[in-house]
């Protein structure tokens, strides 16, 4: 069951090239993120990674929300871990 304030990790549906951690870009908001970039997350406990629906997150938390500040709301679907999870930044495969 999904926690009402949590962000669920969706399964990897798109092939993408991982560029790095979104935490490295503290200024990054949903409206500053170009359309061809993907937002993902990685669990710190079991190392599971998945791509997220960035448009749903933008609708839910606003276009001006800093992505870095939402990392505390990530929850892994595999192990249930809620601490130390990080966002990933990727670019769509051609």
N, C-alpha and C. Protein backbone atom coordinates (compact mmCIF):
# COMPACT_ATOMS: atom_id res chain seq x y z
N UNK A 1 0.84 -1.18 0.00
CA UNK A 1 0.00 0.00 0.00
C UNK A 1 0.88 1.24 0.00
N UNK A 2 0.48 2.23 -0.72
CA UNK A 2 1.24 3.46 -0.85
C UNK A 2 0.92 4.42 0.29
N UNK A 3 1.95 4.97 0.90
CA UNK A 3 1.76 5.98 1.92
C UNK A 3 1.29 7.27 1.25
N UNK A 4 0.38 7.99 1.84
CA UNK A 4 -0.21 9.15 1.18
C UNK A 4 0.78 10.27 0.95
N UNK A 5 1.89 10.31 1.68
CA UNK A 5 2.90 11.35 1.47
C UNK A 5 4.17 10.81 0.84
N UNK A 6 4.17 9.57 0.44
CA UNK A 6 5.36 8.97 -0.14
C UNK A 6 5.38 9.04 -1.66
N UNK A 7 6.56 8.81 -2.22
CA UNK A 7 6.72 8.73 -3.66
C UNK A 7 7.12 7.30 -3.97
N UNK A 8 6.28 6.59 -4.70
CA UNK A 8 6.56 5.20 -5.04
C UNK A 8 7.54 5.11 -6.20
N UNK A 9 8.40 4.11 -6.17
CA UNK A 9 9.31 3.86 -7.27
C UNK A 9 8.61 2.98 -8.29
N UNK A 10 8.47 3.47 -9.52
CA UNK A 10 7.83 2.71 -10.58
C UNK A 10 8.85 1.82 -11.27
N UNK A 11 8.40 0.71 -11.86
CA UNK A 11 9.33 -0.15 -12.58
C UNK A 11 9.94 0.55 -13.78
N UNK A 12 11.11 0.08 -14.18
CA UNK A 12 11.82 0.67 -15.31
C UNK A 12 11.11 0.30 -16.60
N UNK A 13 10.48 1.30 -17.23
CA UNK A 13 9.76 1.06 -18.48
C UNK A 13 10.48 1.65 -19.67
N UNK A 14 11.39 2.58 -19.44
CA UNK A 14 12.07 3.25 -20.53
C UNK A 14 13.55 2.95 -20.48
N UNK A 15 14.14 2.78 -21.65
CA UNK A 15 15.59 2.66 -21.71
C UNK A 15 16.17 4.06 -21.68
N UNK A 16 17.13 4.30 -20.81
CA UNK A 16 17.70 5.64 -20.70
C UNK A 16 19.15 5.55 -20.27
N UNK A 17 19.87 6.58 -20.60
CA UNK A 17 21.27 6.70 -20.20
C UNK A 17 21.30 7.49 -18.89
N UNK A 18 21.88 6.89 -17.86
CA UNK A 18 21.96 7.56 -16.57
C UNK A 18 23.09 8.58 -16.60
N UNK A 19 22.78 9.81 -16.21
CA UNK A 19 23.75 10.89 -16.26
C UNK A 19 24.41 11.15 -14.91
N UNK A 20 23.72 10.87 -13.84
CA UNK A 20 24.28 11.12 -12.52
C UNK A 20 23.19 11.36 -11.49
N UNK A 21 23.61 11.84 -10.35
CA UNK A 21 22.70 12.07 -9.24
C UNK A 21 22.07 13.46 -9.35
N UNK A 22 20.79 13.54 -9.08
CA UNK A 22 20.10 14.83 -9.12
C UNK A 22 20.46 15.68 -7.91
N UNK A 23 21.00 15.06 -6.84
CA UNK A 23 21.40 15.82 -5.66
C UNK A 23 22.58 16.73 -5.95
N UNK A 24 23.36 16.40 -6.97
CA UNK A 24 24.49 17.25 -7.35
C UNK A 24 24.01 18.60 -7.88
N UNK A 25 22.78 18.66 -8.32
CA UNK A 25 22.20 19.88 -8.87
C UNK A 25 21.15 20.41 -7.90
N UNK A 26 21.58 21.10 -6.85
CA UNK A 26 20.67 21.56 -5.80
C UNK A 26 19.66 22.58 -6.32
N UNK A 27 19.95 23.25 -7.41
CA UNK A 27 19.07 24.28 -7.97
C UNK A 27 17.97 23.70 -8.84
N UNK A 28 17.97 22.40 -9.09
CA UNK A 28 17.09 21.77 -10.06
C UNK A 28 15.64 21.72 -9.57
N UNK A 29 14.74 22.29 -10.37
CA UNK A 29 13.31 22.19 -10.11
C UNK A 29 12.66 21.51 -11.31
N UNK A 30 11.40 21.12 -11.18
CA UNK A 30 10.72 20.43 -12.28
C UNK A 30 10.61 21.32 -13.52
N UNK A 31 10.37 22.61 -13.33
CA UNK A 31 10.24 23.49 -14.50
C UNK A 31 11.58 23.79 -15.16
N UNK A 32 12.70 23.63 -14.46
CA UNK A 32 14.02 23.83 -15.05
C UNK A 32 14.56 22.56 -15.72
N UNK A 33 13.91 21.44 -15.48
CA UNK A 33 14.33 20.16 -16.04
C UNK A 33 13.78 20.04 -17.46
N UNK A 34 14.65 19.90 -18.43
CA UNK A 34 14.23 19.82 -19.83
C UNK A 34 13.38 18.57 -20.07
N UNK A 35 12.58 18.61 -21.13
CA UNK A 35 11.65 17.52 -21.42
C UNK A 35 12.34 16.20 -21.72
N UNK A 36 13.54 16.23 -22.25
CA UNK A 36 14.21 14.98 -22.64
C UNK A 36 14.97 14.32 -21.49
N UNK A 37 14.94 14.92 -20.30
CA UNK A 37 15.57 14.31 -19.14
C UNK A 37 14.57 13.49 -18.36
N UNK A 38 15.04 12.40 -17.79
CA UNK A 38 14.23 11.52 -16.97
C UNK A 38 14.65 11.64 -15.52
N UNK A 39 13.72 11.41 -14.63
CA UNK A 39 14.00 11.44 -13.21
C UNK A 39 13.81 10.04 -12.66
N UNK A 40 14.80 9.55 -11.97
CA UNK A 40 14.74 8.22 -11.38
C UNK A 40 15.12 8.28 -9.92
N UNK A 41 15.15 7.11 -9.28
CA UNK A 41 15.53 7.03 -7.88
C UNK A 41 16.26 5.71 -7.62
N UNK A 42 17.13 5.74 -6.60
CA UNK A 42 17.88 4.55 -6.21
C UNK A 42 17.75 4.36 -4.71
N UNK A 43 17.47 3.12 -4.31
CA UNK A 43 17.36 2.77 -2.90
C UNK A 43 18.76 2.60 -2.32
N UNK A 44 19.00 3.17 -1.15
CA UNK A 44 20.32 3.07 -0.53
C UNK A 44 20.54 1.72 0.15
N UNK A 45 19.47 1.01 0.43
CA UNK A 45 19.59 -0.27 1.14
C UNK A 45 19.77 -1.45 0.19
N UNK A 46 18.87 -1.61 -0.77
CA UNK A 46 18.92 -2.77 -1.66
C UNK A 46 19.46 -2.43 -3.06
N UNK A 47 19.79 -1.16 -3.30
CA UNK A 47 20.36 -0.69 -4.57
C UNK A 47 19.40 -0.82 -5.76
N UNK A 48 18.11 -0.93 -5.52
CA UNK A 48 17.13 -0.99 -6.60
C UNK A 48 17.00 0.40 -7.20
N UNK A 49 16.94 0.47 -8.51
CA UNK A 49 16.78 1.75 -9.20
C UNK A 49 15.59 1.66 -10.14
N UNK A 50 14.88 2.77 -10.28
CA UNK A 50 13.71 2.80 -11.16
C UNK A 50 13.50 4.22 -11.65
N UNK A 51 12.89 4.36 -12.81
CA UNK A 51 12.55 5.68 -13.35
C UNK A 51 11.18 6.08 -12.84
N UNK A 52 11.01 7.35 -12.53
CA UNK A 52 9.76 7.89 -11.98
C UNK A 52 9.00 8.64 -13.07
N UNK A 53 7.71 8.82 -12.84
CA UNK A 53 6.87 9.64 -13.72
C UNK A 53 7.02 11.10 -13.27
N UNK A 54 7.94 11.81 -13.92
CA UNK A 54 8.24 13.18 -13.48
C UNK A 54 7.07 14.12 -13.66
N UNK A 55 6.19 13.85 -14.62
CA UNK A 55 5.05 14.74 -14.87
C UNK A 55 4.02 14.59 -13.74
N UNK A 56 3.86 13.39 -13.22
CA UNK A 56 2.97 13.17 -12.08
C UNK A 56 3.54 13.84 -10.82
N UNK A 57 4.85 13.74 -10.63
CA UNK A 57 5.49 14.40 -9.49
C UNK A 57 5.37 15.91 -9.59
N UNK A 58 5.51 16.45 -10.79
CA UNK A 58 5.38 17.89 -10.99
C UNK A 58 3.95 18.34 -10.70
N UNK A 59 2.97 17.56 -11.13
CA UNK A 59 1.58 17.90 -10.85
C UNK A 59 1.31 17.86 -9.34
N UNK A 60 1.89 16.90 -8.67
CA UNK A 60 1.63 16.68 -7.26
C UNK A 60 2.34 17.69 -6.34
N UNK A 61 3.57 18.06 -6.69
CA UNK A 61 4.36 18.90 -5.79
C UNK A 61 4.63 20.31 -6.33
N UNK A 62 4.18 20.67 -7.49
CA UNK A 62 4.31 21.96 -8.17
C UNK A 62 5.57 22.01 -9.03
N UNK A 63 5.50 22.83 -10.06
CA UNK A 63 6.60 22.93 -11.01
C UNK A 63 7.82 23.61 -10.41
N UNK A 64 7.65 24.41 -9.39
CA UNK A 64 8.76 25.12 -8.77
C UNK A 64 9.38 24.38 -7.60
N UNK A 65 8.95 23.16 -7.32
CA UNK A 65 9.49 22.40 -6.19
C UNK A 65 10.92 21.94 -6.49
N UNK A 66 11.80 22.10 -5.51
CA UNK A 66 13.18 21.63 -5.66
C UNK A 66 13.21 20.12 -5.51
N UNK A 67 13.74 19.45 -6.52
CA UNK A 67 13.77 18.00 -6.56
C UNK A 67 14.59 17.44 -5.40
N UNK A 68 15.67 18.12 -5.06
CA UNK A 68 16.55 17.68 -3.98
C UNK A 68 15.81 17.57 -2.65
N UNK A 69 14.85 18.43 -2.40
CA UNK A 69 14.12 18.43 -1.13
C UNK A 69 13.08 17.33 -1.04
N UNK A 70 12.75 16.68 -2.16
CA UNK A 70 11.75 15.61 -2.15
C UNK A 70 12.36 14.23 -1.89
N UNK A 71 13.67 14.12 -1.78
CA UNK A 71 14.30 12.81 -1.62
C UNK A 71 13.90 12.13 -0.32
N UNK A 72 13.52 12.87 0.70
CA UNK A 72 13.09 12.26 1.96
C UNK A 72 11.75 11.55 1.83
N UNK A 73 11.03 11.79 0.76
CA UNK A 73 9.72 11.15 0.54
C UNK A 73 9.79 9.89 -0.29
N UNK A 74 10.97 9.53 -0.77
CA UNK A 74 11.12 8.32 -1.58
C UNK A 74 11.01 7.07 -0.71
N UNK A 75 10.29 6.07 -1.21
CA UNK A 75 10.17 4.78 -0.53
C UNK A 75 10.36 3.68 -1.56
N UNK A 76 11.22 2.72 -1.23
CA UNK A 76 11.49 1.61 -2.14
C UNK A 76 10.35 0.62 -2.09
N UNK A 77 9.89 0.17 -3.25
CA UNK A 77 8.83 -0.84 -3.30
C UNK A 77 9.34 -2.23 -2.98
N UNK A 78 10.62 -2.48 -3.17
CA UNK A 78 11.17 -3.82 -2.92
C UNK A 78 11.38 -4.09 -1.43
N UNK A 79 12.03 -3.17 -0.73
CA UNK A 79 12.38 -3.42 0.67
C UNK A 79 11.68 -2.47 1.65
N UNK A 80 11.03 -1.42 1.17
CA UNK A 80 10.31 -0.50 2.04
C UNK A 80 11.19 0.56 2.68
N UNK A 81 12.45 0.64 2.32
CA UNK A 81 13.36 1.62 2.90
C UNK A 81 12.94 3.04 2.56
N UNK A 82 13.00 3.94 3.56
CA UNK A 82 12.64 5.34 3.36
C UNK A 82 13.79 6.29 3.65
N UNK A 83 14.96 5.79 4.03
CA UNK A 83 16.06 6.69 4.40
C UNK A 83 17.24 6.54 3.45
N UNK A 84 17.85 7.66 3.11
CA UNK A 84 19.04 7.65 2.29
C UNK A 84 18.83 7.42 0.81
N UNK A 85 17.58 7.38 0.34
CA UNK A 85 17.30 7.18 -1.08
C UNK A 85 17.63 8.45 -1.85
N UNK A 86 18.06 8.29 -3.09
CA UNK A 86 18.51 9.43 -3.89
C UNK A 86 17.85 9.45 -5.26
N UNK A 87 17.69 10.65 -5.79
CA UNK A 87 17.19 10.82 -7.14
C UNK A 87 18.31 10.61 -8.14
N UNK A 88 17.96 10.14 -9.33
CA UNK A 88 18.88 9.97 -10.44
C UNK A 88 18.41 10.83 -11.60
N UNK A 89 19.33 11.25 -12.41
CA UNK A 89 19.01 12.04 -13.59
C UNK A 89 19.46 11.25 -14.81
N UNK A 90 18.59 11.13 -15.80
CA UNK A 90 18.90 10.39 -17.00
C UNK A 90 18.45 11.12 -18.25
N UNK A 91 18.91 10.65 -19.39
CA UNK A 91 18.54 11.25 -20.66
C UNK A 91 17.88 10.17 -21.50
N UNK A 92 16.79 10.51 -22.17
CA UNK A 92 16.05 9.54 -22.98
C UNK A 92 16.94 8.93 -24.06
N UNK A 93 16.78 7.63 -24.26
CA UNK A 93 17.51 6.95 -25.31
C UNK A 93 16.90 7.32 -26.66
N UNK A 94 17.72 7.34 -27.67
CA UNK A 94 17.23 7.75 -29.01
C UNK A 94 16.71 6.58 -29.77
